Amino acid sequence: QVQLVESGGGLVQDGGSLTLSCAASGGTFSITIMGWYRQTPGKQRELVASISSGGRIKYADSVKGRFTIARDNVQNTVSLQMNSLKPEDTAVYYCVKISQFGTPYDWGQGTQVTVSS
């Protein structure tokens, strides 16, 4: 059974930084596209960043230059370094596995990130 466990969320001031981590167990992490989604109430979940097994990275335009995704295929972890945080980054962030067709599956439980102005 695949498990994705996020950590690192919290409350931070406008302009601050946070790092989210996701530990994966089960499945074949090293060959899986991993990503981070976020969701705010009343809005659809948004892909924030993804990273392929070979290190190909994509970012949402709203976070380019501020967020950095990375993975460790030995430790089976994926992280999201978030700098220059803005109030509009406030959301629940989910670690996900993403299919080769871009479809997210196997979601973590989510971690709350709140950026105060």
N, C-alpha and C. Protein backbone atom coordinates (compact mmCIF):
# COMPACT_ATOMS: atom_id res chain seq x y z
N GLN A 1 0.85 -1.19 0.00
CA GLN A 1 0.00 0.00 0.00
C GLN A 1 0.88 1.24 0.00
N VAL A 2 0.57 2.16 -0.91
CA VAL A 2 1.35 3.39 -1.02
C VAL A 2 0.91 4.37 0.06
N GLN A 3 1.89 4.95 0.71
CA GLN A 3 1.59 5.99 1.68
C GLN A 3 2.45 7.21 1.40
N LEU A 4 1.82 8.36 1.44
CA LEU A 4 2.52 9.62 1.29
C LEU A 4 2.23 10.44 2.53
N VAL A 5 3.28 10.84 3.25
CA VAL A 5 3.10 11.56 4.50
C VAL A 5 3.83 12.90 4.40
N GLU A 6 3.05 13.97 4.46
CA GLU A 6 3.62 15.32 4.37
C GLU A 6 3.95 15.86 5.75
N SER A 7 4.89 16.77 5.78
CA SER A 7 5.22 17.49 7.00
C SER A 7 5.80 18.84 6.62
N GLY A 8 5.84 19.74 7.59
CA GLY A 8 6.50 21.02 7.37
C GLY A 8 5.60 22.22 7.18
N GLY A 9 4.30 22.01 7.16
CA GLY A 9 3.41 23.15 7.03
C GLY A 9 3.38 23.98 8.29
N GLY A 10 2.70 25.11 8.22
CA GLY A 10 2.61 25.95 9.40
C GLY A 10 2.20 27.36 9.06
N LEU A 11 2.41 28.24 10.02
CA LEU A 11 2.07 29.66 9.87
C LEU A 11 3.35 30.46 9.68
N VAL A 12 3.35 31.32 8.69
CA VAL A 12 4.52 32.14 8.40
C VAL A 12 4.05 33.51 7.95
N GLN A 13 4.88 34.51 8.16
CA GLN A 13 4.54 35.87 7.74
C GLN A 13 4.81 36.07 6.25
N ASP A 14 4.14 37.04 5.70
CA ASP A 14 4.36 37.45 4.32
C ASP A 14 5.86 37.65 4.08
N GLY A 15 6.37 37.01 3.02
CA GLY A 15 7.79 37.10 2.71
C GLY A 15 8.65 36.02 3.33
N GLY A 16 8.06 35.21 4.17
CA GLY A 16 8.79 34.16 4.87
C GLY A 16 9.00 32.92 4.02
N SER A 17 9.56 31.90 4.66
CA SER A 17 9.89 30.66 3.96
C SER A 17 9.42 29.45 4.76
N LEU A 18 9.10 28.41 4.03
CA LEU A 18 8.77 27.11 4.63
C LEU A 18 9.27 26.03 3.70
N THR A 19 9.57 24.88 4.28
CA THR A 19 9.92 23.72 3.46
C THR A 19 8.98 22.58 3.81
N LEU A 20 8.31 22.06 2.79
CA LEU A 20 7.45 20.90 2.95
C LEU A 20 8.22 19.65 2.55
N SER A 21 7.97 18.58 3.28
CA SER A 21 8.59 17.30 2.96
C SER A 21 7.53 16.23 2.83
N CYS A 22 7.81 15.26 1.99
CA CYS A 22 6.89 14.14 1.79
C CYS A 22 7.70 12.85 1.79
N ALA A 23 7.32 11.94 2.66
CA ALA A 23 7.96 10.63 2.71
C ALA A 23 7.03 9.61 2.08
N ALA A 24 7.55 8.86 1.13
CA ALA A 24 6.76 7.88 0.42
C ALA A 24 7.17 6.47 0.82
N SER A 25 6.20 5.63 1.00
CA SER A 25 6.47 4.22 1.27
C SER A 25 5.58 3.37 0.36
N GLY A 26 6.10 2.22 -0.01
CA GLY A 26 5.36 1.37 -0.94
C GLY A 26 5.51 1.88 -2.35
N GLY A 27 5.13 1.09 -3.30
CA GLY A 27 5.19 1.51 -4.69
C GLY A 27 6.61 1.60 -5.21
N THR A 28 6.76 2.23 -6.35
CA THR A 28 8.06 2.35 -7.00
C THR A 28 8.39 3.82 -7.13
N PHE A 29 8.83 4.41 -6.04
CA PHE A 29 9.04 5.85 -5.96
C PHE A 29 10.00 6.34 -7.02
N SER A 30 11.10 5.63 -7.23
CA SER A 30 12.18 6.15 -8.06
C SER A 30 11.77 6.34 -9.51
N ILE A 31 10.72 5.67 -9.97
CA ILE A 31 10.32 5.82 -11.37
C ILE A 31 9.01 6.58 -11.50
N THR A 32 8.57 7.18 -10.41
CA THR A 32 7.27 7.85 -10.38
C THR A 32 7.44 9.36 -10.43
N ILE A 33 6.59 10.01 -11.21
CA ILE A 33 6.53 11.46 -11.18
C ILE A 33 5.89 11.87 -9.87
N MET A 34 6.53 12.78 -9.17
CA MET A 34 6.01 13.27 -7.89
C MET A 34 5.66 14.75 -8.02
N GLY A 35 4.72 15.18 -7.21
CA GLY A 35 4.33 16.58 -7.31
C GLY A 35 3.68 17.08 -6.04
N TRP A 36 3.45 18.37 -6.04
CA TRP A 36 2.74 19.04 -4.96
C TRP A 36 1.55 19.78 -5.56
N TYR A 37 0.38 19.55 -5.00
CA TYR A 37 -0.83 20.29 -5.33
C TYR A 37 -1.21 21.13 -4.12
N ARG A 38 -2.02 22.14 -4.36
CA ARG A 38 -2.57 22.90 -3.25
C ARG A 38 -4.03 23.21 -3.51
N GLN A 39 -4.75 23.42 -2.44
CA GLN A 39 -6.18 23.72 -2.56
C GLN A 39 -6.60 24.69 -1.49
N THR A 40 -7.39 25.68 -1.90
CA THR A 40 -8.02 26.59 -0.98
C THR A 40 -9.53 26.39 -1.09
N PRO A 41 -10.27 26.70 -0.03
CA PRO A 41 -11.72 26.49 -0.04
C PRO A 41 -12.39 27.17 -1.23
N GLY A 42 -13.22 26.45 -1.93
CA GLY A 42 -13.96 27.01 -3.04
C GLY A 42 -13.21 27.03 -4.35
N LYS A 43 -11.97 26.56 -4.34
CA LYS A 43 -11.17 26.54 -5.56
C LYS A 43 -10.74 25.12 -5.90
N GLN A 44 -10.45 24.92 -7.17
CA GLN A 44 -9.95 23.62 -7.59
C GLN A 44 -8.52 23.43 -7.11
N ARG A 45 -8.16 22.17 -6.96
CA ARG A 45 -6.78 21.89 -6.62
C ARG A 45 -5.87 22.33 -7.76
N GLU A 46 -4.74 22.90 -7.40
CA GLU A 46 -3.79 23.47 -8.38
C GLU A 46 -2.46 22.74 -8.29
N LEU A 47 -1.93 22.35 -9.44
CA LEU A 47 -0.59 21.76 -9.46
C LEU A 47 0.43 22.86 -9.21
N VAL A 48 1.20 22.72 -8.18
CA VAL A 48 2.20 23.72 -7.82
C VAL A 48 3.54 23.41 -8.50
N ALA A 49 3.95 22.15 -8.40
CA ALA A 49 5.23 21.75 -8.98
C ALA A 49 5.25 20.23 -9.14
N SER A 50 6.01 19.78 -10.13
CA SER A 50 6.18 18.34 -10.31
C SER A 50 7.62 18.06 -10.71
N ILE A 51 8.06 16.83 -10.44
CA ILE A 51 9.41 16.43 -10.78
C ILE A 51 9.38 14.97 -11.22
N SER A 52 9.95 14.71 -12.38
CA SER A 52 9.96 13.35 -12.90
C SER A 52 11.10 12.55 -12.28
N SER A 53 11.13 11.27 -12.57
CA SER A 53 12.19 10.42 -12.04
C SER A 53 13.56 10.88 -12.54
N GLY A 54 13.57 11.47 -13.72
CA GLY A 54 14.83 11.94 -14.29
C GLY A 54 15.15 13.38 -13.95
N GLY A 55 14.31 13.99 -13.14
CA GLY A 55 14.60 15.34 -12.69
C GLY A 55 13.97 16.46 -13.50
N ARG A 56 13.08 16.11 -14.46
CA ARG A 56 12.40 17.16 -15.21
C ARG A 56 11.40 17.84 -14.28
N ILE A 57 11.44 19.16 -14.25
CA ILE A 57 10.65 19.92 -13.29
C ILE A 57 9.70 20.88 -14.00
N LYS A 58 8.51 21.00 -13.43
CA LYS A 58 7.54 21.98 -13.90
C LYS A 58 7.02 22.74 -12.70
N TYR A 59 6.76 24.03 -12.91
CA TYR A 59 6.20 24.87 -11.86
C TYR A 59 4.97 25.61 -12.39
N ALA A 60 4.04 25.87 -11.50
CA ALA A 60 2.96 26.78 -11.83
C ALA A 60 3.56 28.17 -11.98
N ASP A 61 3.01 28.96 -12.89
CA ASP A 61 3.54 30.31 -13.13
C ASP A 61 3.54 31.13 -11.84
N SER A 62 2.57 30.89 -10.99
CA SER A 62 2.43 31.70 -9.78
C SER A 62 3.54 31.47 -8.76
N VAL A 63 4.30 30.38 -8.92
CA VAL A 63 5.34 30.09 -7.92
C VAL A 63 6.74 30.08 -8.53
N LYS A 64 6.86 30.26 -9.83
CA LYS A 64 8.18 30.24 -10.47
C LYS A 64 9.09 31.29 -9.85
N GLY A 65 10.31 30.86 -9.57
CA GLY A 65 11.29 31.76 -8.99
C GLY A 65 11.21 31.86 -7.47
N ARG A 66 10.15 31.28 -6.90
CA ARG A 66 10.00 31.33 -5.44
C ARG A 66 10.04 29.95 -4.80
N PHE A 67 9.52 28.95 -5.50
CA PHE A 67 9.44 27.58 -4.97
C PHE A 67 10.44 26.70 -5.69
N THR A 68 10.96 25.71 -4.96
CA THR A 68 11.89 24.74 -5.54
C THR A 68 11.48 23.34 -5.10
N ILE A 69 11.27 22.47 -6.08
CA ILE A 69 10.94 21.08 -5.79
C ILE A 69 12.18 20.23 -5.97
N ALA A 70 12.34 19.23 -5.12
CA ALA A 70 13.48 18.33 -5.22
C ALA A 70 13.06 16.95 -4.74
N ARG A 71 13.81 15.95 -5.16
CA ARG A 71 13.51 14.58 -4.73
C ARG A 71 14.77 13.83 -4.39
N ASP A 72 14.62 12.86 -3.54
CA ASP A 72 15.73 11.98 -3.15
C ASP A 72 15.25 10.56 -3.37
N ASN A 73 15.76 9.92 -4.41
CA ASN A 73 15.28 8.59 -4.77
C ASN A 73 15.87 7.49 -3.89
N VAL A 74 16.80 7.84 -3.02
CA VAL A 74 17.32 6.87 -2.06
C VAL A 74 16.46 6.90 -0.80
N GLN A 75 16.17 8.09 -0.33
CA GLN A 75 15.35 8.27 0.86
C GLN A 75 13.86 8.20 0.56
N ASN A 76 13.49 8.18 -0.72
CA ASN A 76 12.08 8.19 -1.13
C ASN A 76 11.34 9.40 -0.57
N THR A 77 11.92 10.55 -0.78
CA THR A 77 11.30 11.78 -0.31
C THR A 77 11.25 12.82 -1.43
N VAL A 78 10.30 13.71 -1.31
CA VAL A 78 10.20 14.86 -2.20
C VAL A 78 9.94 16.08 -1.32
N SER A 79 10.56 17.17 -1.67
CA SER A 79 10.43 18.37 -0.86
C SER A 79 9.99 19.55 -1.71
N LEU A 80 9.48 20.57 -1.04
CA LEU A 80 9.09 21.80 -1.70
C LEU A 80 9.59 22.96 -0.83
N GLN A 81 10.64 23.60 -1.29
CA GLN A 81 11.16 24.77 -0.61
C GLN A 81 10.38 25.98 -1.10
N MET A 82 9.76 26.70 -0.18
CA MET A 82 8.91 27.83 -0.55
C MET A 82 9.49 29.11 0.05
N ASN A 83 9.91 30.00 -0.80
CA ASN A 83 10.47 31.28 -0.37
C ASN A 83 9.56 32.42 -0.80
N SER A 84 9.78 33.58 -0.21
CA SER A 84 9.01 34.78 -0.56
C SER A 84 7.52 34.47 -0.57
N LEU A 85 7.06 33.82 0.47
CA LEU A 85 5.66 33.40 0.53
C LEU A 85 4.73 34.61 0.59
N LYS A 86 3.57 34.45 -0.03
CA LYS A 86 2.56 35.49 -0.09
C LYS A 86 1.26 34.97 0.54
N PRO A 87 0.40 35.87 0.97
CA PRO A 87 -0.88 35.42 1.53
C PRO A 87 -1.66 34.52 0.57
N GLU A 88 -1.52 34.77 -0.72
CA GLU A 88 -2.25 33.95 -1.70
C GLU A 88 -1.68 32.54 -1.84
N ASP A 89 -0.56 32.26 -1.18
CA ASP A 89 -0.03 30.90 -1.16
C ASP A 89 -0.70 30.06 -0.06
N THR A 90 -1.51 30.71 0.76
CA THR A 90 -2.21 30.00 1.81
C THR A 90 -3.10 28.92 1.21
N ALA A 91 -2.92 27.68 1.67
CA ALA A 91 -3.66 26.55 1.12
C ALA A 91 -3.28 25.29 1.89
N VAL A 92 -4.02 24.23 1.62
CA VAL A 92 -3.58 22.91 2.05
C VAL A 92 -2.74 22.34 0.91
N TYR A 93 -1.56 21.90 1.22
CA TYR A 93 -0.63 21.37 0.22
C TYR A 93 -0.60 19.85 0.32
N TYR A 94 -0.70 19.22 -0.85
CA TYR A 94 -0.74 17.76 -0.92
C TYR A 94 0.43 17.23 -1.73
N CYS A 95 1.03 16.20 -1.22
CA CYS A 95 2.02 15.44 -1.96
C CYS A 95 1.28 14.39 -2.78
N VAL A 96 1.63 14.27 -4.05
CA VAL A 96 0.91 13.34 -4.91
C VAL A 96 1.86 12.60 -5.84
N LYS A 97 1.38 11.44 -6.27
CA LYS A 97 2.03 10.76 -7.38
C LYS A 97 1.26 11.14 -8.64
N ILE A 98 1.98 11.28 -9.73
CA ILE A 98 1.38 11.74 -10.98
C ILE A 98 1.68 10.72 -12.07
N SER A 99 0.65 10.35 -12.82
CA SER A 99 0.85 9.38 -13.89
C SER A 99 1.59 10.01 -15.06
N GLN A 100 2.04 9.18 -15.98
CA GLN A 100 2.73 9.69 -17.16
C GLN A 100 1.80 10.54 -18.02
N PHE A 101 0.48 10.45 -17.79
CA PHE A 101 -0.47 11.27 -18.53
C PHE A 101 -0.81 12.55 -17.80
N GLY A 102 -0.15 12.77 -16.66
CA GLY A 102 -0.38 13.99 -15.92
C GLY A 102 -1.51 13.93 -14.91
N THR A 103 -2.03 12.75 -14.69
CA THR A 103 -3.14 12.59 -13.75
C THR A 103 -2.61 12.30 -12.35
N PRO A 104 -3.02 13.09 -11.37
CA PRO A 104 -2.58 12.83 -10.00
C PRO A 104 -3.31 11.63 -9.39
N TYR A 105 -2.60 10.85 -8.59
CA TYR A 105 -3.21 9.74 -7.88
C TYR A 105 -2.40 9.54 -6.60
N ASP A 106 -2.88 8.75 -5.70
CA ASP A 106 -2.18 8.50 -4.43
C ASP A 106 -1.82 9.80 -3.73
N TRP A 107 -2.81 10.40 -3.10
CA TRP A 107 -2.63 11.67 -2.41
C TRP A 107 -2.21 11.46 -0.97
N GLY A 108 -1.40 12.39 -0.46
CA GLY A 108 -1.12 12.43 0.95
C GLY A 108 -2.29 13.06 1.69
N GLN A 109 -2.17 13.19 2.99
CA GLN A 109 -3.28 13.72 3.80
C GLN A 109 -3.35 15.24 3.76
N GLY A 110 -2.30 15.88 3.29
CA GLY A 110 -2.28 17.33 3.20
C GLY A 110 -1.68 17.99 4.42
N THR A 111 -1.07 19.14 4.20
CA THR A 111 -0.51 19.94 5.29
C THR A 111 -0.87 21.40 5.05
N GLN A 112 -1.31 22.07 6.09
CA GLN A 112 -1.79 23.45 5.97
C GLN A 112 -0.61 24.42 5.96
N VAL A 113 -0.63 25.32 5.01
CA VAL A 113 0.31 26.44 4.95
C VAL A 113 -0.51 27.72 5.02
N THR A 114 -0.20 28.55 6.00
CA THR A 114 -0.91 29.82 6.17
C THR A 114 0.11 30.94 6.17
N VAL A 115 -0.09 31.90 5.28
CA VAL A 115 0.79 33.05 5.18
C VAL A 115 0.01 34.28 5.61
N SER A 116 0.46 34.90 6.68
CA SER A 116 -0.24 36.06 7.20
C SER A 116 0.33 37.35 6.61
N SER A 117 -0.55 38.30 6.40
CA SER A 117 -0.11 39.58 5.81
C SER A 117 0.25 40.59 6.89
